[in-house]
PDB file of all heavy atoms in Angstrom:
ATOM      1  N   ALA A   1     -17.920 -12.317  22.692  1.00  0.00           N
ATOM      2  CA  ALA A   1     -16.924 -11.661  21.844  1.00  0.00           C
ATOM      3  C   ALA A   1     -16.465 -12.677  20.807  1.00  0.00           C
ATOM      4  O   ALA A   1     -15.990 -13.762  21.162  1.00  0.00           O
ATOM      5  CB  ALA A   1     -15.735 -11.177  22.675  1.00  0.00           C
ATOM      6  N   PRO A   2     -16.610 -12.390  19.537  1.00  0.00           N
ATOM      7  CA  PRO A   2     -16.287 -13.378  18.505  1.00  0.00           C
ATOM      8  C   PRO A   2     -14.796 -13.702  18.467  1.00  0.00           C
ATOM      9  O   PRO A   2     -13.954 -12.874  18.817  1.00  0.00           O
ATOM     10  CB  PRO A   2     -16.734 -12.685  17.209  1.00  0.00           C
ATOM     11  CG  PRO A   2     -16.707 -11.228  17.521  1.00  0.00           C
ATOM     12  CD  PRO A   2     -17.078 -11.109  18.962  1.00  0.00           C
ATOM     13  N   LEU A   3     -14.491 -14.919  18.035  1.00  0.00           N
ATOM     14  CA  LEU A   3     -13.106 -15.336  17.852  1.00  0.00           C
ATOM     15  C   LEU A   3     -12.723 -15.079  16.398  1.00  0.00           C
ATOM     16  O   LEU A   3     -13.335 -15.615  15.474  1.00  0.00           O
ATOM     17  CB  LEU A   3     -12.936 -16.822  18.187  1.00  0.00           C
ATOM     18  CG  LEU A   3     -11.524 -17.393  18.045  1.00  0.00           C
ATOM     19  CD1 LEU A   3     -10.587 -16.766  19.072  1.00  0.00           C
ATOM     20  CD2 LEU A   3     -11.539 -18.912  18.209  1.00  0.00           C
ATOM     21  N   HIS A   4     -11.710 -14.242  16.192  1.00  0.00           N
ATOM     22  CA  HIS A   4     -11.242 -13.918  14.850  1.00  0.00           C
ATOM     23  C   HIS A   4      -9.990 -14.734  14.543  1.00  0.00           C
ATOM     24  O   HIS A   4      -9.293 -15.191  15.449  1.00  0.00           O
ATOM     25  CB  HIS A   4     -10.931 -12.418  14.749  1.00  0.00           C
ATOM     26  CG  HIS A   4     -12.087 -11.538  15.108  1.00  0.00           C
ATOM     27  ND1 HIS A   4     -13.166 -11.336  14.285  1.00  0.00           N
ATOM     28  CD2 HIS A   4     -12.340 -10.806  16.230  1.00  0.00           C
ATOM     29  CE1 HIS A   4     -14.027 -10.510  14.857  1.00  0.00           C
ATOM     30  NE2 HIS A   4     -13.546 -10.180  16.049  1.00  0.00           N
ATOM     31  N   TYR A   5      -9.710 -14.890  13.283  1.00  0.00           N
ATOM     32  CA  TYR A   5      -8.581 -15.722  12.875  1.00  0.00           C
ATOM     33  C   TYR A   5      -7.552 -14.890  12.119  1.00  0.00           C
ATOM     34  O   TYR A   5      -7.886 -13.910  11.466  1.00  0.00           O
ATOM     35  CB  TYR A   5      -9.062 -16.886  12.021  1.00  0.00           C
ATOM     36  CG  TYR A   5      -9.984 -17.806  12.777  1.00  0.00           C
ATOM     37  CD1 TYR A   5     -11.376 -17.635  12.704  1.00  0.00           C
ATOM     38  CD2 TYR A   5      -9.490 -18.822  13.591  1.00  0.00           C
ATOM     39  CE1 TYR A   5     -12.232 -18.462  13.411  1.00  0.00           C
ATOM     40  CE2 TYR A   5     -10.335 -19.647  14.306  1.00  0.00           C
ATOM     41  CZ  TYR A   5     -11.709 -19.462  14.213  1.00  0.00           C
ATOM     42  OH  TYR A   5     -12.544 -20.270  14.926  1.00  0.00           O
ATOM     43  N   TYR A   6      -6.294 -15.291  12.258  1.00  0.00           N
ATOM     44  CA  TYR A   6      -5.218 -14.603  11.557  1.00  0.00           C
ATOM     45  C   TYR A   6      -4.177 -15.619  11.114  1.00  0.00           C
ATOM     46  O   TYR A   6      -3.938 -16.627  11.797  1.00  0.00           O
ATOM     47  CB  TYR A   6      -4.564 -13.539  12.452  1.00  0.00           C
ATOM     48  CG  TYR A   6      -3.908 -14.062  13.714  1.00  0.00           C
ATOM     49  CD1 TYR A   6      -2.522 -14.266  13.774  1.00  0.00           C
ATOM     50  CD2 TYR A   6      -4.649 -14.342  14.856  1.00  0.00           C
ATOM     51  CE1 TYR A   6      -1.909 -14.723  14.930  1.00  0.00           C
ATOM     52  CE2 TYR A   6      -4.046 -14.798  16.016  1.00  0.00           C
ATOM     53  CZ  TYR A   6      -2.678 -14.991  16.047  1.00  0.00           C
ATOM     54  OH  TYR A   6      -2.074 -15.454  17.202  1.00  0.00           O
ATOM     55  N   PRO A   7      -3.584 -15.410   9.952  1.00  0.00           N
ATOM     56  CA  PRO A   7      -2.561 -16.353   9.493  1.00  0.00           C
ATOM     57  C   PRO A   7      -1.276 -16.195  10.290  1.00  0.00           C
ATOM     58  O   PRO A   7      -0.874 -15.080  10.642  1.00  0.00           O
ATOM     59  CB  PRO A   7      -2.346 -15.953   8.019  1.00  0.00           C
ATOM     60  CG  PRO A   7      -2.738 -14.517   7.964  1.00  0.00           C
ATOM     61  CD  PRO A   7      -3.840 -14.341   8.966  1.00  0.00           C
ATOM     62  N   ALA A   8      -0.633 -17.300  10.594  1.00  0.00           N
ATOM     63  CA  ALA A   8       0.664 -17.250  11.254  1.00  0.00           C
ATOM     64  C   ALA A   8       1.618 -16.415  10.408  1.00  0.00           C
ATOM     65  O   ALA A   8       1.615 -16.494   9.180  1.00  0.00           O
ATOM     66  CB  ALA A   8       1.214 -18.656  11.452  1.00  0.00           C
ATOM     67  N   GLY A   9       2.414 -15.592  11.069  1.00  0.00           N
ATOM     68  CA  GLY A   9       3.340 -14.727  10.358  1.00  0.00           C
ATOM     69  C   GLY A   9       2.765 -13.362  10.042  1.00  0.00           C
ATOM     70  O   GLY A   9       3.403 -12.565   9.350  1.00  0.00           O
ATOM     71  N   SER A  10       1.582 -13.060  10.562  1.00  0.00           N
ATOM     72  CA  SER A  10       0.970 -11.744  10.358  1.00  0.00           C
ATOM     73  C   SER A  10       1.034 -10.958  11.656  1.00  0.00           C
ATOM     74  O   SER A  10       1.651 -11.378  12.627  1.00  0.00           O
ATOM     75  CB  SER A  10      -0.487 -11.901   9.901  1.00  0.00           C
ATOM     76  OG  SER A  10      -1.291 -12.413  10.952  1.00  0.00           O
ATOM     77  N   TYR A  11       0.361  -9.797  11.671  1.00  0.00           N
ATOM     78  CA  TYR A  11       0.319  -8.971  12.881  1.00  0.00           C
ATOM     79  C   TYR A  11      -0.985  -9.137  13.649  1.00  0.00           C
ATOM     80  O   TYR A  11      -1.328  -8.295  14.464  1.00  0.00           O
ATOM     81  CB  TYR A  11       0.532  -7.504  12.514  1.00  0.00           C
ATOM     82  CG  TYR A  11       1.952  -7.192  12.081  1.00  0.00           C
ATOM     83  CD1 TYR A  11       2.262  -7.033  10.743  1.00  0.00           C
ATOM     84  CD2 TYR A  11       2.980  -7.077  13.018  1.00  0.00           C
ATOM     85  CE1 TYR A  11       3.560  -6.750  10.336  1.00  0.00           C
ATOM     86  CE2 TYR A  11       4.276  -6.803  12.629  1.00  0.00           C
ATOM     87  CZ  TYR A  11       4.567  -6.646  11.283  1.00  0.00           C
ATOM     88  OH  TYR A  11       5.853  -6.376  10.889  1.00  0.00           O
ATOM     89  N   GLY A  12      -1.685 -10.237  13.382  1.00  0.00           N
ATOM     90  CA  GLY A  12      -2.941 -10.478  14.077  1.00  0.00           C
ATOM     91  C   GLY A  12      -4.132 -10.247  13.176  1.00  0.00           C
ATOM     92  O   GLY A  12      -4.000  -9.887  11.998  1.00  0.00           O
ATOM     93  N   PRO A  13      -5.336 -10.444  13.706  1.00  0.00           N
ATOM     94  CA  PRO A  13      -6.537 -10.272  12.889  1.00  0.00           C
ATOM     95  C   PRO A  13      -6.752  -8.831  12.449  1.00  0.00           C
ATOM     96  O   PRO A  13      -6.328  -7.890  13.133  1.00  0.00           O
ATOM     97  CB  PRO A  13      -7.663 -10.745  13.812  1.00  0.00           C
ATOM     98  CG  PRO A  13      -7.097 -10.742  15.183  1.00  0.00           C
ATOM     99  CD  PRO A  13      -5.627 -10.880  15.078  1.00  0.00           C
ATOM    100  N   ALA A  14      -7.427  -8.669  11.306  1.00  0.00           N
ATOM    101  CA  ALA A  14      -7.690  -7.329  10.768  1.00  0.00           C
ATOM    102  C   ALA A  14      -8.507  -6.492  11.739  1.00  0.00           C
ATOM    103  O   ALA A  14      -8.383  -5.262  11.766  1.00  0.00           O
ATOM    104  CB  ALA A  14      -8.404  -7.447   9.426  1.00  0.00           C
ATOM    105  N   GLU A  15      -9.325  -7.138  12.545  1.00  0.00           N
ATOM    106  CA  GLU A  15     -10.160  -6.419  13.507  1.00  0.00           C
ATOM    107  C   GLU A  15      -9.322  -5.667  14.537  1.00  0.00           C
ATOM    108  O   GLU A  15      -9.778  -4.681  15.120  1.00  0.00           O
ATOM    109  CB  GLU A  15     -11.108  -7.396  14.217  1.00  0.00           C
ATOM    110  CG  GLU A  15     -12.229  -7.947  13.346  1.00  0.00           C
ATOM    111  CD  GLU A  15     -11.773  -9.040  12.398  1.00  0.00           C
ATOM    112  OE1 GLU A  15     -10.599  -9.478  12.517  1.00  0.00           O
ATOM    113  OE2 GLU A  15     -12.583  -9.467  11.558  1.00  0.00           O
ATOM    114  N   SER A  16      -8.087  -6.129  14.767  1.00  0.00           N
ATOM    115  CA  SER A  16      -7.183  -5.413  15.667  1.00  0.00           C
ATOM    116  C   SER A  16      -6.818  -4.050  15.094  1.00  0.00           C
ATOM    117  O   SER A  16      -6.719  -3.062  15.830  1.00  0.00           O
ATOM    118  CB  SER A  16      -5.921  -6.250  15.901  1.00  0.00           C
ATOM    119  OG  SER A  16      -4.921  -5.508  16.558  1.00  0.00           O
ATOM    120  N   ASP A  17      -6.609  -3.988  13.787  1.00  0.00           N
ATOM    121  CA  ASP A  17      -6.329  -2.702  13.138  1.00  0.00           C
ATOM    122  C   ASP A  17      -7.549  -1.784  13.200  1.00  0.00           C
ATOM    123  O   ASP A  17      -7.425  -0.573  13.407  1.00  0.00           O
ATOM    124  CB  ASP A  17      -5.921  -2.917  11.685  1.00  0.00           C
ATOM    125  CG  ASP A  17      -4.659  -3.750  11.564  1.00  0.00           C
ATOM    126  OD1 ASP A  17      -3.729  -3.534  12.362  1.00  0.00           O
ATOM    127  OD2 ASP A  17      -4.606  -4.619  10.670  1.00  0.00           O
ATOM    128  N   GLU A  18      -8.713  -2.369  13.034  1.00  0.00           N
ATOM    129  CA  GLU A  18      -9.950  -1.578  13.058  1.00  0.00           C
ATOM    130  C   GLU A  18     -10.197  -0.970  14.437  1.00  0.00           C
ATOM    131  O   GLU A  18     -10.793   0.101  14.552  1.00  0.00           O
ATOM    132  CB  GLU A  18     -11.132  -2.448  12.646  1.00  0.00           C
ATOM    133  CG  GLU A  18     -11.041  -2.938  11.193  1.00  0.00           C
ATOM    134  CD  GLU A  18     -12.072  -4.008  10.873  1.00  0.00           C
ATOM    135  OE1 GLU A  18     -12.929  -4.285  11.755  1.00  0.00           O
ATOM    136  OE2 GLU A  18     -12.009  -4.575   9.773  1.00  0.00           O
ATOM    137  N   LEU A  19      -9.730  -1.650  15.491  1.00  0.00           N
ATOM    138  CA  LEU A  19      -9.909  -1.148  16.847  1.00  0.00           C
ATOM    139  C   LEU A  19      -9.277   0.229  17.002  1.00  0.00           C
ATOM    140  O   LEU A  19      -9.849   1.125  17.638  1.00  0.00           O
ATOM    141  CB  LEU A  19      -9.277  -2.132  17.843  1.00  0.00           C
ATOM    142  CG  LEU A  19      -9.370  -1.807  19.336  1.00  0.00           C
ATOM    143  CD1 LEU A  19     -10.814  -1.885  19.807  1.00  0.00           C
ATOM    144  CD2 LEU A  19      -8.492  -2.751  20.147  1.00  0.00           C
ATOM    145  N   LEU A  20      -8.111   0.416  16.387  1.00  0.00           N
ATOM    146  CA  LEU A  20      -7.437   1.713  16.447  1.00  0.00           C
ATOM    147  C   LEU A  20      -7.971   2.674  15.395  1.00  0.00           C
ATOM    148  O   LEU A  20      -8.065   3.883  15.643  1.00  0.00           O
ATOM    149  CB  LEU A  20      -5.926   1.550  16.262  1.00  0.00           C
ATOM    150  CG  LEU A  20      -5.107   1.192  17.509  1.00  0.00           C
ATOM    151  CD1 LEU A  20      -5.407  -0.226  17.968  1.00  0.00           C
ATOM    152  CD2 LEU A  20      -3.621   1.366  17.256  1.00  0.00           C
ATOM    153  N   ALA A  21      -8.306   2.139  14.224  1.00  0.00           N
ATOM    154  CA  ALA A  21      -8.765   2.992  13.128  1.00  0.00           C
ATOM    155  C   ALA A  21     -10.024   3.763  13.507  1.00  0.00           C
ATOM    156  O   ALA A  21     -10.233   4.894  13.045  1.00  0.00           O
ATOM    157  CB  ALA A  21      -9.011   2.150  11.883  1.00  0.00           C
ATOM    158  N   ARG A  22     -10.853   3.178  14.373  1.00  0.00           N
ATOM    159  CA  ARG A  22     -12.079   3.871  14.807  1.00  0.00           C
ATOM    160  C   ARG A  22     -11.752   5.181  15.515  1.00  0.00           C
ATOM    161  O   ARG A  22     -12.553   6.116  15.527  1.00  0.00           O
ATOM    162  CB  ARG A  22     -12.895   2.961  15.746  1.00  0.00           C
ATOM    163  CG  ARG A  22     -13.514   1.758  15.077  1.00  0.00           C
ATOM    164  CD  ARG A  22     -14.649   1.185  15.919  1.00  0.00           C
ATOM    165  NE  ARG A  22     -14.212   0.684  17.199  1.00  0.00           N
ATOM    166  CZ  ARG A  22     -13.959  -0.592  17.468  1.00  0.00           C
ATOM    167  NH1 ARG A  22     -14.078  -1.499  16.504  1.00  0.00           N
ATOM    168  NH2 ARG A  22     -13.591  -0.980  18.667  1.00  0.00           N
ATOM    169  N   ASP A  23     -10.564   5.252  16.136  1.00  0.00           N
ATOM    170  CA  ASP A  23     -10.151   6.465  16.839  1.00  0.00           C
ATOM    171  C   ASP A  23      -9.187   7.317  16.011  1.00  0.00           C
ATOM    172  O   ASP A  23      -8.639   8.310  16.509  1.00  0.00           O
ATOM    173  CB  ASP A  23      -9.468   6.098  18.168  1.00  0.00           C
ATOM    174  CG  ASP A  23     -10.404   5.353  19.106  1.00  0.00           C
ATOM    175  OD1 ASP A  23     -11.619   5.604  19.055  1.00  0.00           O
ATOM    176  OD2 ASP A  23      -9.906   4.512  19.891  1.00  0.00           O
ATOM    177  N   GLY A  24      -8.960   6.905  14.763  1.00  0.00           N
ATOM    178  CA  GLY A  24      -8.066   7.667  13.900  1.00  0.00           C
ATOM    179  C   GLY A  24      -6.596   7.336  14.074  1.00  0.00           C
ATOM    180  O   GLY A  24      -5.727   8.114  13.669  1.00  0.00           O
ATOM    181  N   PHE A  25      -6.276   6.165  14.649  1.00  0.00           N
ATOM    182  CA  PHE A  25      -4.892   5.764  14.881  1.00  0.00           C
ATOM    183  C   PHE A  25      -4.580   4.462  14.150  1.00  0.00           C
ATOM    184  O   PHE A  25      -5.459   3.837  13.555  1.00  0.00           O
ATOM    185  CB  PHE A  25      -4.627   5.590  16.382  1.00  0.00           C
ATOM    186  CG  PHE A  25      -4.925   6.810  17.210  1.00  0.00           C
ATOM    187  CD1 PHE A  25      -5.865   6.774  18.237  1.00  0.00           C
ATOM    188  CD2 PHE A  25      -4.255   8.000  16.968  1.00  0.00           C
ATOM    189  CE1 PHE A  25      -6.142   7.904  18.999  1.00  0.00           C
ATOM    190  CE2 PHE A  25      -4.517   9.139  17.722  1.00  0.00           C
ATOM    191  CZ  PHE A  25      -5.467   9.088  18.740  1.00  0.00           C
ATOM    192  N   HIS A  26      -3.335   4.056  14.215  1.00  0.00           N
ATOM    193  CA  HIS A  26      -2.924   2.758  13.669  1.00  0.00           C
ATOM    194  C   HIS A  26      -1.758   2.231  14.494  1.00  0.00           C
ATOM    195  O   HIS A  26      -1.067   2.980  15.192  1.00  0.00           O
ATOM    196  CB  HIS A  26      -2.521   2.883  12.189  1.00  0.00           C
ATOM    197  CG  HIS A  26      -1.328   3.769  11.961  1.00  0.00           C
ATOM    198  ND1 HIS A  26      -0.028   3.315  12.075  1.00  0.00           N
ATOM    199  CD2 HIS A  26      -1.232   5.090  11.626  1.00  0.00           C
ATOM    200  CE1 HIS A  26       0.812   4.295  11.828  1.00  0.00           C
ATOM    201  NE2 HIS A  26       0.115   5.400  11.556  1.00  0.00           N
ATOM    202  N   TRP A  27      -1.558   0.921  14.420  1.00  0.00           N
ATOM    203  CA  TRP A  27      -0.433   0.319  15.120  1.00  0.00           C
ATOM    204  C   TRP A  27       0.869   0.758  14.457  1.00  0.00           C
ATOM    205  O   TRP A  27       0.997   0.708  13.231  1.00  0.00           O
ATOM    206  CB  TRP A  27      -0.508  -1.216  15.073  1.00  0.00           C
ATOM    207  CG  TRP A  27      -1.635  -1.821  15.842  1.00  0.00           C
ATOM    208  CD1 TRP A  27      -2.765  -2.393  15.326  1.00  0.00           C
ATOM    209  CD2 TRP A  27      -1.734  -1.944  17.267  1.00  0.00           C
ATOM    210  NE1 TRP A  27      -3.561  -2.859  16.343  1.00  0.00           N
ATOM    211  CE2 TRP A  27      -2.965  -2.605  17.547  1.00  0.00           C
ATOM    212  CE3 TRP A  27      -0.923  -1.562  18.332  1.00  0.00           C
ATOM    213  CZ2 TRP A  27      -3.386  -2.877  18.839  1.00  0.00           C
ATOM    214  CZ3 TRP A  27      -1.348  -1.836  19.632  1.00  0.00           C
ATOM    215  CH2 TRP A  27      -2.564  -2.489  19.869  1.00  0.00           C
ATOM    216  N   TRP A  28       1.826   1.152  15.261  1.00  0.00           N
ATOM    217  CA  TRP A  28       3.112   1.572  14.731  1.00  0.00           C
ATOM    218  C   TRP A  28       4.048   0.388  14.532  1.00  0.00           C
ATOM    219  O   TRP A  28       3.992  -0.598  15.273  1.00  0.00           O
ATOM    220  CB  TRP A  28       3.777   2.590  15.650  1.00  0.00           C
ATOM    221  CG  TRP A  28       3.124   3.937  15.571  1.00  0.00           C
ATOM    222  CD1 TRP A  28       2.183   4.461  16.408  1.00  0.00           C
ATOM    223  CD2 TRP A  28       3.343   4.925  14.556  1.00  0.00           C
ATOM    224  NE1 TRP A  28       1.800   5.705  15.989  1.00  0.00           N
ATOM    225  CE2 TRP A  28       2.500   6.034  14.851  1.00  0.00           C
ATOM    226  CE3 TRP A  28       4.162   4.993  13.426  1.00  0.00           C
ATOM    227  CZ2 TRP A  28       2.456   7.175  14.073  1.00  0.00           C
ATOM    228  CZ3 TRP A  28       4.121   6.138  12.650  1.00  0.00           C
ATOM    229  CH2 TRP A  28       3.282   7.219  12.969  1.00  0.00           C
ATOM    230  N   PHE A  29       4.892   0.488  13.515  1.00  0.00           N
ATOM    231  CA  PHE A  29       5.976  -0.461  13.245  1.00  0.00           C
ATOM    232  C   PHE A  29       5.485  -1.856  12.879  1.00  0.00           C
ATOM    233  O   PHE A  29       6.156  -2.843  13.129  1.00  0.00           O
ATOM    234  CB  PHE A  29       6.957  -0.540  14.426  1.00  0.00           C
ATOM    235  CG  PHE A  29       7.468   0.800  14.850  1.00  0.00           C
ATOM    236  CD1 PHE A  29       7.113   1.352  16.078  1.00  0.00           C
ATOM    237  CD2 PHE A  29       8.289   1.529  14.019  1.00  0.00           C
ATOM    238  CE1 PHE A  29       7.579   2.596  16.457  1.00  0.00           C
ATOM    239  CE2 PHE A  29       8.765   2.772  14.400  1.00  0.00           C
ATOM    240  CZ  PHE A  29       8.406   3.309  15.617  1.00  0.00           C
ATOM    241  N   ASP A  30       4.311  -1.941  12.268  1.00  0.00           N
ATOM    242  CA  ASP A  30       3.843  -3.247  11.816  1.00  0.00           C
ATOM    243  C   ASP A  30       4.525  -3.667  10.519  1.00  0.00           C
ATOM    244  O   ASP A  30       4.410  -4.811  10.116  1.00  0.00           O
ATOM    245  CB  ASP A  30       2.320  -3.237  11.620  1.00  0.00           C
ATOM    246  CG  ASP A  30       1.600  -3.620  12.896  1.00  0.00           C
ATOM    247  OD1 ASP A  30       2.270  -3.738  13.928  1.00  0.00           O
ATOM    248  OD2 ASP A  30       0.373  -3.800  12.879  1.00  0.00           O
ATOM    249  N   SER A  31       5.199  -2.765   9.883  1.00  0.00           N
ATOM    250  CA  SER A  31       6.055  -3.108   8.750  1.00  0.00           C
ATOM    251  C   SER A  31       7.435  -2.569   9.080  1.00  0.00           C
ATOM    252  O   SER A  31       7.567  -1.424   9.485  1.00  0.00           O
ATOM    253  CB  SER A  31       5.541  -2.482   7.455  1.00  0.00           C
ATOM    254  OG  SER A  31       4.293  -3.032   7.098  1.00  0.00           O
ATOM    255  N   LYS A  32       8.434  -3.384   8.902  1.00  0.00           N
ATOM    256  CA  LYS A  32       9.781  -2.938   9.229  1.00  0.00           C
ATOM    257  C   LYS A  32      10.148  -1.735   8.370  1.00  0.00           C
ATOM    258  O   LYS A  32      10.012  -1.773   7.152  1.00  0.00           O
ATOM    259  CB  LYS A  32      10.789  -4.069   9.015  1.00  0.00           C
ATOM    260  CG  LYS A  32      10.659  -5.169  10.053  1.00  0.00           C
ATOM    261  CD  LYS A  32      11.760  -6.179   9.919  1.00  0.00           C
ATOM    262  CE  LYS A  32      11.653  -7.237  11.015  1.00  0.00           C
ATOM    263  NZ  LYS A  32      12.726  -8.239  10.911  1.00  0.00           N
ATOM    264  N   PRO A  33      10.610  -0.664   8.964  1.00  0.00           N
ATOM    265  CA  PRO A  33      10.927   0.538   8.194  1.00  0.00           C
ATOM    266  C   PRO A  33      12.084   0.295   7.241  1.00  0.00           C
ATOM    267  O   PRO A  33      13.013  -0.444   7.533  1.00  0.00           O
ATOM    268  CB  PRO A  33      11.311   1.559   9.283  1.00  0.00           C
ATOM    269  CG  PRO A  33      11.748   0.726  10.434  1.00  0.00           C
ATOM    270  CD  PRO A  33      10.906  -0.524  10.396  1.00  0.00           C
ATOM    271  N   GLU A  34      12.016   0.895   6.087  1.00  0.00           N
ATOM    272  CA  GLU A  34      13.109   0.816   5.111  1.00  0.00           C
ATOM    273  C   GLU A  34      14.332   1.556   5.671  1.00  0.00           C
ATOM    274  O   GLU A  34      14.215   2.608   6.280  1.00  0.00           O
ATOM    275  CB  GLU A  34      12.682   1.457   3.794  1.00  0.00           C
ATOM    276  CG  GLU A  34      11.515   0.744   3.112  1.00  0.00           C
ATOM    277  CD  GLU A  34      11.910  -0.636   2.627  1.00  0.00           C
ATOM    278  OE1 GLU A  34      13.105  -0.812   2.299  1.00  0.00           O
ATOM    279  OE2 GLU A  34      11.043  -1.501   2.586  1.00  0.00           O
ATOM    280  N   GLN A  35      15.459   0.994   5.468  1.00  0.00           N
ATOM    281  CA  GLN A  35      16.695   1.626   5.932  1.00  0.00           C
ATOM    282  C   GLN A  35      17.146   2.651   4.884  1.00  0.00           C
ATOM    283  O   GLN A  35      18.117   2.455   4.152  1.00  0.00           O
ATOM    284  CB  GLN A  35      17.775   0.567   6.169  1.00  0.00           C
ATOM    285  CG  GLN A  35      17.406  -0.446   7.229  1.00  0.00           C
ATOM    286  CD  GLN A  35      17.170   0.215   8.572  1.00  0.00           C
ATOM    287  OE1 GLN A  35      17.936   1.061   8.989  1.00  0.00           O
ATOM    288  NE2 GLN A  35      16.109  -0.165   9.238  1.00  0.00           N
ATOM    289  N   ALA A  36      16.391   3.741   4.789  1.00  0.00           N
ATOM    290  CA  ALA A  36      16.671   4.761   3.782  1.00  0.00           C
ATOM    291  C   ALA A  36      17.988   5.461   4.085  1.00  0.00           C
ATOM    292  O   ALA A  36      18.308   5.758   5.227  1.00  0.00           O
ATOM    293  CB  ALA A  36      15.526   5.772   3.746  1.00  0.00           C
ATOM    294  N   ALA A  37      18.746   5.752   3.018  1.00  0.00           N
ATOM    295  CA  ALA A  37      20.068   6.356   3.188  1.00  0.00           C
ATOM    296  C   ALA A  37      19.976   7.735   3.803  1.00  0.00           C
ATOM    297  O   ALA A  37      20.868   8.174   4.519  1.00  0.00           O
ATOM    298  CB  ALA A  37      20.770   6.417   1.832  1.00  0.00           C
ATOM    299  N   GLU A  38      18.860   8.428   3.508  1.00  0.00           N
ATOM    300  CA  GLU A  38      18.742   9.790   4.000  1.00  0.00           C
ATOM    301  C   GLU A  38      18.234   9.881   5.440  1.00  0.00           C
ATOM    302  O   GLU A  38      18.120  10.962   6.003  1.00  0.00           O
ATOM    303  CB  GLU A  38      17.805  10.610   3.093  1.00  0.00           C
ATOM    304  CG  GLU A  38      16.343  10.141   3.103  1.00  0.00           C
ATOM    305  CD  GLU A  38      16.093   9.043   2.095  1.00  0.00           C
ATOM    306  OE1 GLU A  38      17.073   8.487   1.568  1.00  0.00           O
ATOM    307  OE2 GLU A  38      14.912   8.746   1.845  1.00  0.00           O
ATOM    308  N   GLU A  39      17.928   8.732   6.050  1.00  0.00           N
ATOM    309  CA  GLU A  39      17.410   8.762   7.420  1.00  0.00           C
ATOM    310  C   GLU A  39      18.483   9.268   8.367  1.00  0.00           C
ATOM    311  O   GLU A  39      19.632   8.840   8.324  1.00  0.00           O
ATOM    312  CB  GLU A  39      16.972   7.370   7.853  1.00  0.00           C
ATOM    313  CG  GLU A  39      16.404   7.346   9.259  1.00  0.00           C
ATOM    314  CD  GLU A  39      16.070   5.929   9.704  1.00  0.00           C
ATOM    315  OE1 GLU A  39      16.806   5.010   9.346  1.00  0.00           O
ATOM    316  OE2 GLU A  39      15.080   5.781  10.414  1.00  0.00           O
ATOM    317  N   LYS A  40      18.122  10.207   9.198  1.00  0.00           N
ATOM    318  CA  LYS A  40      19.068  10.778  10.150  1.00  0.00           C
ATOM    319  C   LYS A  40      18.907  10.053  11.489  1.00  0.00           C
ATOM    320  O   LYS A  40      17.882  10.149  12.124  1.00  0.00           O
ATOM    321  CB  LYS A  40      18.799  12.275  10.341  1.00  0.00           C
ATOM    322  CG  LYS A  40      19.108  13.099   9.102  1.00  0.00           C
ATOM    323  CD  LYS A  40      18.757  14.532   9.382  1.00  0.00           C
ATOM    324  CE  LYS A  40      19.289  15.451   8.306  1.00  0.00           C
ATOM    325  NZ  LYS A  40      18.932  15.069   6.971  1.00  0.00           N
ATOM    326  N   GLU A  41      19.911   9.340  11.893  1.00  0.00           N
ATOM    327  CA  GLU A  41      19.836   8.616  13.165  1.00  0.00           C
ATOM    328  C   GLU A  41      21.071   8.893  13.991  1.00  0.00           C
ATOM    329  O   GLU A  41      22.187   8.720  13.512  1.00  0.00           O
ATOM    330  CB  GLU A  41      19.686   7.110  12.929  1.00  0.00           C
ATOM    331  CG  GLU A  41      19.554   6.341  14.228  1.00  0.00           C
ATOM    332  CD  GLU A  41      19.173   4.891  13.968  1.00  0.00           C
ATOM    333  OE1 GLU A  41      18.677   4.629  12.880  1.00  0.00           O
ATOM    334  OE2 GLU A  41      19.400   4.074  14.851  1.00  0.00           O
ATOM    335  N   PHE A  42      20.845   9.385  15.167  1.00  0.00           N
ATOM    336  CA  PHE A  42      21.944   9.664  16.079  1.00  0.00           C
ATOM    337  C   PHE A  42      21.851   8.665  17.226  1.00  0.00           C
ATOM    338  O   PHE A  42      20.893   8.700  17.988  1.00  0.00           O
ATOM    339  CB  PHE A  42      21.848  11.098  16.618  1.00  0.00           C
ATOM    340  CG  PHE A  42      21.853  12.135  15.531  1.00  0.00           C
ATOM    341  CD1 PHE A  42      20.640  12.601  15.023  1.00  0.00           C
ATOM    342  CD2 PHE A  42      23.016  12.633  15.024  1.00  0.00           C
ATOM    343  CE1 PHE A  42      20.604  13.548  14.027  1.00  0.00           C
ATOM    344  CE2 PHE A  42      22.993  13.581  14.028  1.00  0.00           C
ATOM    345  CZ  PHE A  42      21.812  14.036  13.518  1.00  0.00           C
TER     346      PHE A  42
END
């Protein structure tokens, strides 16, 4: 299994994203959500 590299401060190697993309999914919350004023949070 090849060793992939990722820069410190990232969410890991790009191949990690591809692992989910093959099944039509993606990692959730890899970018902090914008605190939009219209967001409804209870």
